[in-house]
Structures are given as C-alpha cells and as structure tokens.
C-alpha cells in the first residue's frame, strides 16, 4: 500500500496515511474538522533502484569483466584439462 501525504486546506495540518490505491483523495481534517479539508498532495516517490542491472546512474557501457583463466593444456583428450584423471597432470 502506498503512503499518501495530505494537507488541510483550512488549517494547514499535514498528515500521512497508508492507504490503498482506491482510497478517496480527500477526507475530513482530524485537527479542525473541516469536511473534505484534507487534500492529497503530490509528492516524490521514495523509490530508488540500486545494484547491478539497470538503474538511474547506470553507465551506457557494461562493466569490464575479469580476464578468463587459461585452462591447463592436456594432450590426453581432456577438454579443459580439469577432469581429474591421472593423465591430466
């Protein structure tokens, strides 16, 4: 559920409420009692993307990766030389 900010147009009292998306955009002020006085304010979302992948500060080029380690050479038919057979060493 989103956190909405309200402000009373009569007395200026601020209020924050966790409400569903379908909640009405105005309600009575708990401080002065003005009916429909509390109006939903336009506020900045507290949503930020961080970490790997895409986000607001991502560079257009991918980060350089570490060079791949060279596989040990084996003339015994082992594809990568790391099969563990007695001939691979």
N, C-alpha and C. Protein backbone atom coordinates (compact mmCIF):
# COMPACT_ATOMS: atom_id res chain seq x y z
N UNK A 1 0.84 -1.18 0.00
CA UNK A 1 0.00 0.00 0.00
C UNK A 1 0.89 1.24 0.00
N UNK A 2 0.51 2.24 -0.76
CA UNK A 2 1.31 3.46 -0.81
C UNK A 2 1.07 4.37 0.40
N UNK A 3 2.06 5.18 0.68
CA UNK A 3 1.98 6.19 1.74
C UNK A 3 1.60 7.50 1.08
N UNK A 4 0.43 8.05 1.44
CA UNK A 4 -0.04 9.31 0.87
C UNK A 4 0.16 10.45 1.86
N UNK A 5 0.45 11.63 1.34
CA UNK A 5 0.56 12.85 2.14
C UNK A 5 -0.67 13.70 1.89
N UNK A 6 -1.23 14.24 2.98
CA UNK A 6 -2.40 15.12 2.91
C UNK A 6 -2.08 16.43 3.60
N UNK A 7 -2.77 17.50 3.22
CA UNK A 7 -2.67 18.78 3.91
C UNK A 7 -4.06 19.40 3.91
N UNK A 8 -4.47 19.93 5.08
CA UNK A 8 -5.78 20.56 5.21
C UNK A 8 -5.74 21.94 4.56
N UNK A 9 -6.70 22.20 3.70
CA UNK A 9 -6.78 23.50 3.04
C UNK A 9 -7.27 24.58 3.99
N UNK A 10 -7.93 24.20 5.10
CA UNK A 10 -8.45 25.18 6.05
C UNK A 10 -7.40 25.60 7.09
N UNK A 11 -6.74 24.62 7.71
CA UNK A 11 -5.80 24.94 8.81
C UNK A 11 -4.34 24.63 8.49
N UNK A 12 -4.06 23.91 7.39
CA UNK A 12 -2.68 23.61 7.01
C UNK A 12 -2.08 22.39 7.70
N UNK A 13 -2.87 21.66 8.45
CA UNK A 13 -2.41 20.47 9.18
C UNK A 13 -1.92 19.40 8.19
N UNK A 14 -0.67 18.90 8.33
CA UNK A 14 -0.20 17.82 7.46
C UNK A 14 -0.58 16.46 8.04
N UNK A 15 -0.65 15.44 7.17
CA UNK A 15 -0.99 14.09 7.61
C UNK A 15 -0.44 13.09 6.59
N UNK A 16 0.03 11.95 7.07
CA UNK A 16 0.46 10.85 6.21
C UNK A 16 -0.38 9.63 6.54
N UNK A 17 -0.82 8.90 5.50
CA UNK A 17 -1.65 7.71 5.72
C UNK A 17 -1.25 6.62 4.74
N UNK A 18 -1.18 5.39 5.24
CA UNK A 18 -1.02 4.22 4.39
C UNK A 18 -2.41 3.81 3.93
N UNK A 19 -2.67 3.93 2.64
CA UNK A 19 -3.99 3.64 2.11
C UNK A 19 -3.88 2.88 0.81
N UNK A 20 -4.96 2.24 0.43
CA UNK A 20 -4.99 1.52 -0.84
C UNK A 20 -5.03 2.51 -2.00
N UNK A 21 -4.76 2.03 -3.18
CA UNK A 21 -4.78 2.88 -4.37
C UNK A 21 -6.16 3.44 -4.65
N UNK A 22 -7.19 2.76 -4.21
CA UNK A 22 -8.56 3.20 -4.48
C UNK A 22 -9.11 4.15 -3.41
N UNK A 23 -8.30 4.58 -2.45
CA UNK A 23 -8.76 5.47 -1.38
C UNK A 23 -9.14 6.83 -1.96
N UNK A 24 -10.13 7.52 -1.37
CA UNK A 24 -10.52 8.84 -1.86
C UNK A 24 -9.37 9.84 -1.67
N UNK A 25 -9.33 10.87 -2.52
CA UNK A 25 -8.23 11.84 -2.46
C UNK A 25 -8.48 12.97 -1.46
N UNK A 26 -9.63 12.98 -0.77
CA UNK A 26 -9.92 13.99 0.25
C UNK A 26 -10.73 13.36 1.37
N UNK A 27 -10.54 13.88 2.59
CA UNK A 27 -11.30 13.44 3.74
C UNK A 27 -11.34 14.55 4.79
N UNK A 28 -12.11 14.36 5.85
CA UNK A 28 -12.24 15.37 6.90
C UNK A 28 -10.94 15.54 7.67
N UNK A 29 -10.64 16.77 8.06
CA UNK A 29 -9.42 17.08 8.82
C UNK A 29 -9.61 16.65 10.27
N UNK A 30 -8.67 15.86 10.82
CA UNK A 30 -8.78 15.44 12.22
C UNK A 30 -8.48 16.59 13.19
N UNK A 31 -7.79 17.64 12.75
CA UNK A 31 -7.42 18.75 13.64
C UNK A 31 -8.53 19.79 13.76
N UNK A 32 -9.06 20.27 12.63
CA UNK A 32 -10.06 21.34 12.68
C UNK A 32 -11.47 20.87 12.31
N UNK A 33 -11.59 19.65 11.80
CA UNK A 33 -12.90 19.09 11.47
C UNK A 33 -13.47 19.54 10.13
N UNK A 34 -12.70 20.26 9.33
CA UNK A 34 -13.19 20.70 8.02
C UNK A 34 -13.50 19.49 7.15
N UNK A 35 -14.76 19.39 6.70
CA UNK A 35 -15.16 18.28 5.84
C UNK A 35 -14.47 18.38 4.49
N UNK A 36 -13.88 17.28 4.04
CA UNK A 36 -13.13 17.25 2.77
C UNK A 36 -11.98 18.26 2.77
N UNK A 37 -11.52 18.66 3.96
CA UNK A 37 -10.42 19.63 4.07
C UNK A 37 -9.06 19.05 3.73
N UNK A 38 -8.87 17.77 4.08
CA UNK A 38 -7.58 17.13 3.82
C UNK A 38 -7.52 16.70 2.37
N UNK A 39 -6.64 17.32 1.62
CA UNK A 39 -6.47 17.01 0.19
C UNK A 39 -5.14 16.31 -0.01
N UNK A 40 -5.15 15.29 -0.85
CA UNK A 40 -3.94 14.53 -1.15
C UNK A 40 -2.95 15.44 -1.89
N UNK A 41 -1.69 15.41 -1.45
CA UNK A 41 -0.64 16.22 -2.04
C UNK A 41 0.15 15.41 -3.06
N UNK A 42 0.70 16.09 -4.03
CA UNK A 42 1.59 15.47 -4.99
C UNK A 42 2.96 15.41 -4.34
N UNK A 43 3.53 14.24 -4.20
CA UNK A 43 4.82 14.10 -3.53
C UNK A 43 5.74 13.22 -4.35
N UNK A 44 7.01 13.27 -4.00
CA UNK A 44 8.03 12.49 -4.68
C UNK A 44 8.02 11.07 -4.15
N UNK A 45 8.09 10.11 -5.03
CA UNK A 45 8.13 8.71 -4.61
C UNK A 45 9.48 8.40 -3.98
N UNK A 46 9.47 7.58 -2.96
CA UNK A 46 10.69 7.17 -2.29
C UNK A 46 11.14 5.83 -2.85
N UNK A 47 11.32 5.78 -4.16
CA UNK A 47 11.67 4.56 -4.85
C UNK A 47 12.99 4.77 -5.55
N UNK A 48 13.94 3.93 -5.29
CA UNK A 48 15.25 4.06 -5.90
C UNK A 48 15.77 2.69 -6.28
N UNK A 49 16.32 2.60 -7.46
CA UNK A 49 16.91 1.35 -7.92
C UNK A 49 18.41 1.41 -7.67
N UNK A 50 18.96 0.32 -7.20
CA UNK A 50 20.39 0.28 -6.93
C UNK A 50 20.90 -1.12 -7.22
N UNK A 51 22.20 -1.23 -7.32
CA UNK A 51 22.80 -2.53 -7.54
C UNK A 51 23.05 -2.80 -9.00
N UNK A 52 23.24 -4.06 -9.32
CA UNK A 52 23.53 -4.45 -10.69
C UNK A 52 22.31 -4.33 -11.58
N UNK A 53 22.53 -4.29 -12.85
CA UNK A 53 21.43 -4.17 -13.79
C UNK A 53 21.20 -2.73 -14.18
N UNK A 54 19.97 -2.42 -14.55
CA UNK A 54 19.67 -1.05 -14.96
C UNK A 54 19.20 -0.23 -13.76
N UNK A 55 19.62 0.99 -13.70
CA UNK A 55 19.17 1.93 -12.68
C UNK A 55 19.55 3.33 -13.13
N UNK A 56 19.13 4.35 -12.40
CA UNK A 56 19.25 5.72 -12.86
C UNK A 56 20.69 6.18 -13.12
N UNK A 57 21.69 5.63 -12.46
CA UNK A 57 23.07 6.06 -12.65
C UNK A 57 23.89 5.08 -13.46
N UNK A 58 23.25 4.17 -14.14
CA UNK A 58 23.98 3.14 -14.89
C UNK A 58 24.74 3.73 -16.06
N UNK A 59 25.91 3.23 -16.28
CA UNK A 59 26.70 3.65 -17.42
C UNK A 59 26.15 2.98 -18.67
N UNK A 60 26.41 3.58 -19.81
CA UNK A 60 25.89 3.01 -21.05
C UNK A 60 26.71 1.81 -21.51
N UNK A 61 27.92 1.67 -20.99
CA UNK A 61 28.77 0.55 -21.36
C UNK A 61 28.80 -0.46 -20.21
N UNK A 62 28.86 -1.74 -20.51
CA UNK A 62 28.93 -2.73 -19.44
C UNK A 62 30.27 -2.63 -18.70
N UNK A 63 30.27 -3.02 -17.45
CA UNK A 63 31.49 -3.00 -16.65
C UNK A 63 32.47 -4.03 -17.22
N UNK A 64 33.77 -3.73 -17.19
CA UNK A 64 34.75 -4.69 -17.70
C UNK A 64 34.77 -5.93 -16.83
N UNK A 65 34.88 -7.07 -17.45
CA UNK A 65 34.92 -8.32 -16.68
C UNK A 65 36.37 -8.76 -16.52
N UNK A 66 36.60 -9.62 -15.54
CA UNK A 66 37.93 -10.14 -15.29
C UNK A 66 38.31 -11.07 -16.44
N UNK A 67 39.59 -11.08 -16.81
CA UNK A 67 40.00 -11.98 -17.89
C UNK A 67 39.81 -13.44 -17.46
N UNK A 68 39.42 -14.25 -18.39
CA UNK A 68 39.20 -15.67 -18.11
C UNK A 68 40.53 -16.36 -17.87
N UNK A 69 40.57 -17.25 -16.88
CA UNK A 69 41.77 -18.01 -16.60
C UNK A 69 41.98 -19.04 -17.71
N UNK A 70 43.23 -19.19 -18.11
CA UNK A 70 43.53 -20.13 -19.19
C UNK A 70 43.48 -21.55 -18.63
N UNK A 71 42.82 -22.43 -19.33
CA UNK A 71 42.71 -23.82 -18.91
C UNK A 71 44.05 -24.51 -19.11
N UNK A 72 44.41 -25.41 -18.20
CA UNK A 72 45.66 -26.15 -18.38
C UNK A 72 45.60 -27.01 -19.65
N UNK A 73 46.71 -27.07 -20.31
CA UNK A 73 46.77 -27.83 -21.56
C UNK A 73 47.01 -29.30 -21.25
N UNK A 74 46.33 -30.14 -21.96
CA UNK A 74 46.45 -31.58 -21.76
C UNK A 74 46.40 -32.25 -23.12
N UNK A 75 47.28 -33.19 -23.34
CA UNK A 75 47.28 -33.92 -24.59
C UNK A 75 46.59 -35.26 -24.45
N UNK A 76 45.77 -35.42 -23.42
CA UNK A 76 45.16 -36.71 -23.15
C UNK A 76 43.69 -36.77 -23.54
N UNK A 77 43.22 -35.81 -24.29
CA UNK A 77 41.83 -35.82 -24.72
C UNK A 77 40.88 -35.17 -23.74
N UNK A 78 41.40 -34.59 -22.67
CA UNK A 78 40.55 -33.88 -21.71
C UNK A 78 40.25 -32.51 -22.28
N UNK A 79 38.99 -32.15 -22.36
CA UNK A 79 38.58 -30.90 -22.99
C UNK A 79 39.18 -29.69 -22.30
N UNK A 80 39.08 -29.60 -20.98
CA UNK A 80 39.58 -28.44 -20.28
C UNK A 80 40.80 -28.79 -19.44
N UNK A 81 41.19 -30.05 -19.39
CA UNK A 81 42.35 -30.45 -18.61
C UNK A 81 42.06 -30.59 -17.13
N UNK A 82 40.82 -30.37 -16.70
CA UNK A 82 40.50 -30.43 -15.29
C UNK A 82 39.60 -31.59 -14.95
N UNK A 83 39.69 -32.69 -15.69
CA UNK A 83 38.79 -33.82 -15.47
C UNK A 83 39.17 -34.64 -14.25
N UNK A 84 40.39 -34.54 -13.78
CA UNK A 84 40.80 -35.29 -12.61
C UNK A 84 41.38 -36.65 -12.90
N UNK A 85 41.48 -37.01 -14.17
CA UNK A 85 42.05 -38.32 -14.48
C UNK A 85 43.56 -38.29 -14.20
N UNK A 86 44.19 -39.45 -13.97
CA UNK A 86 45.62 -39.47 -13.63
C UNK A 86 46.51 -38.98 -14.76
N UNK A 87 46.01 -38.95 -15.99
CA UNK A 87 46.82 -38.49 -17.11
C UNK A 87 46.77 -36.99 -17.29
N UNK A 88 45.86 -36.29 -16.59
CA UNK A 88 45.69 -34.84 -16.79
C UNK A 88 46.78 -34.04 -16.13
N UNK A 89 47.61 -34.58 -15.34
CA UNK A 89 48.57 -33.80 -14.59
C UNK A 89 49.87 -33.82 -15.20
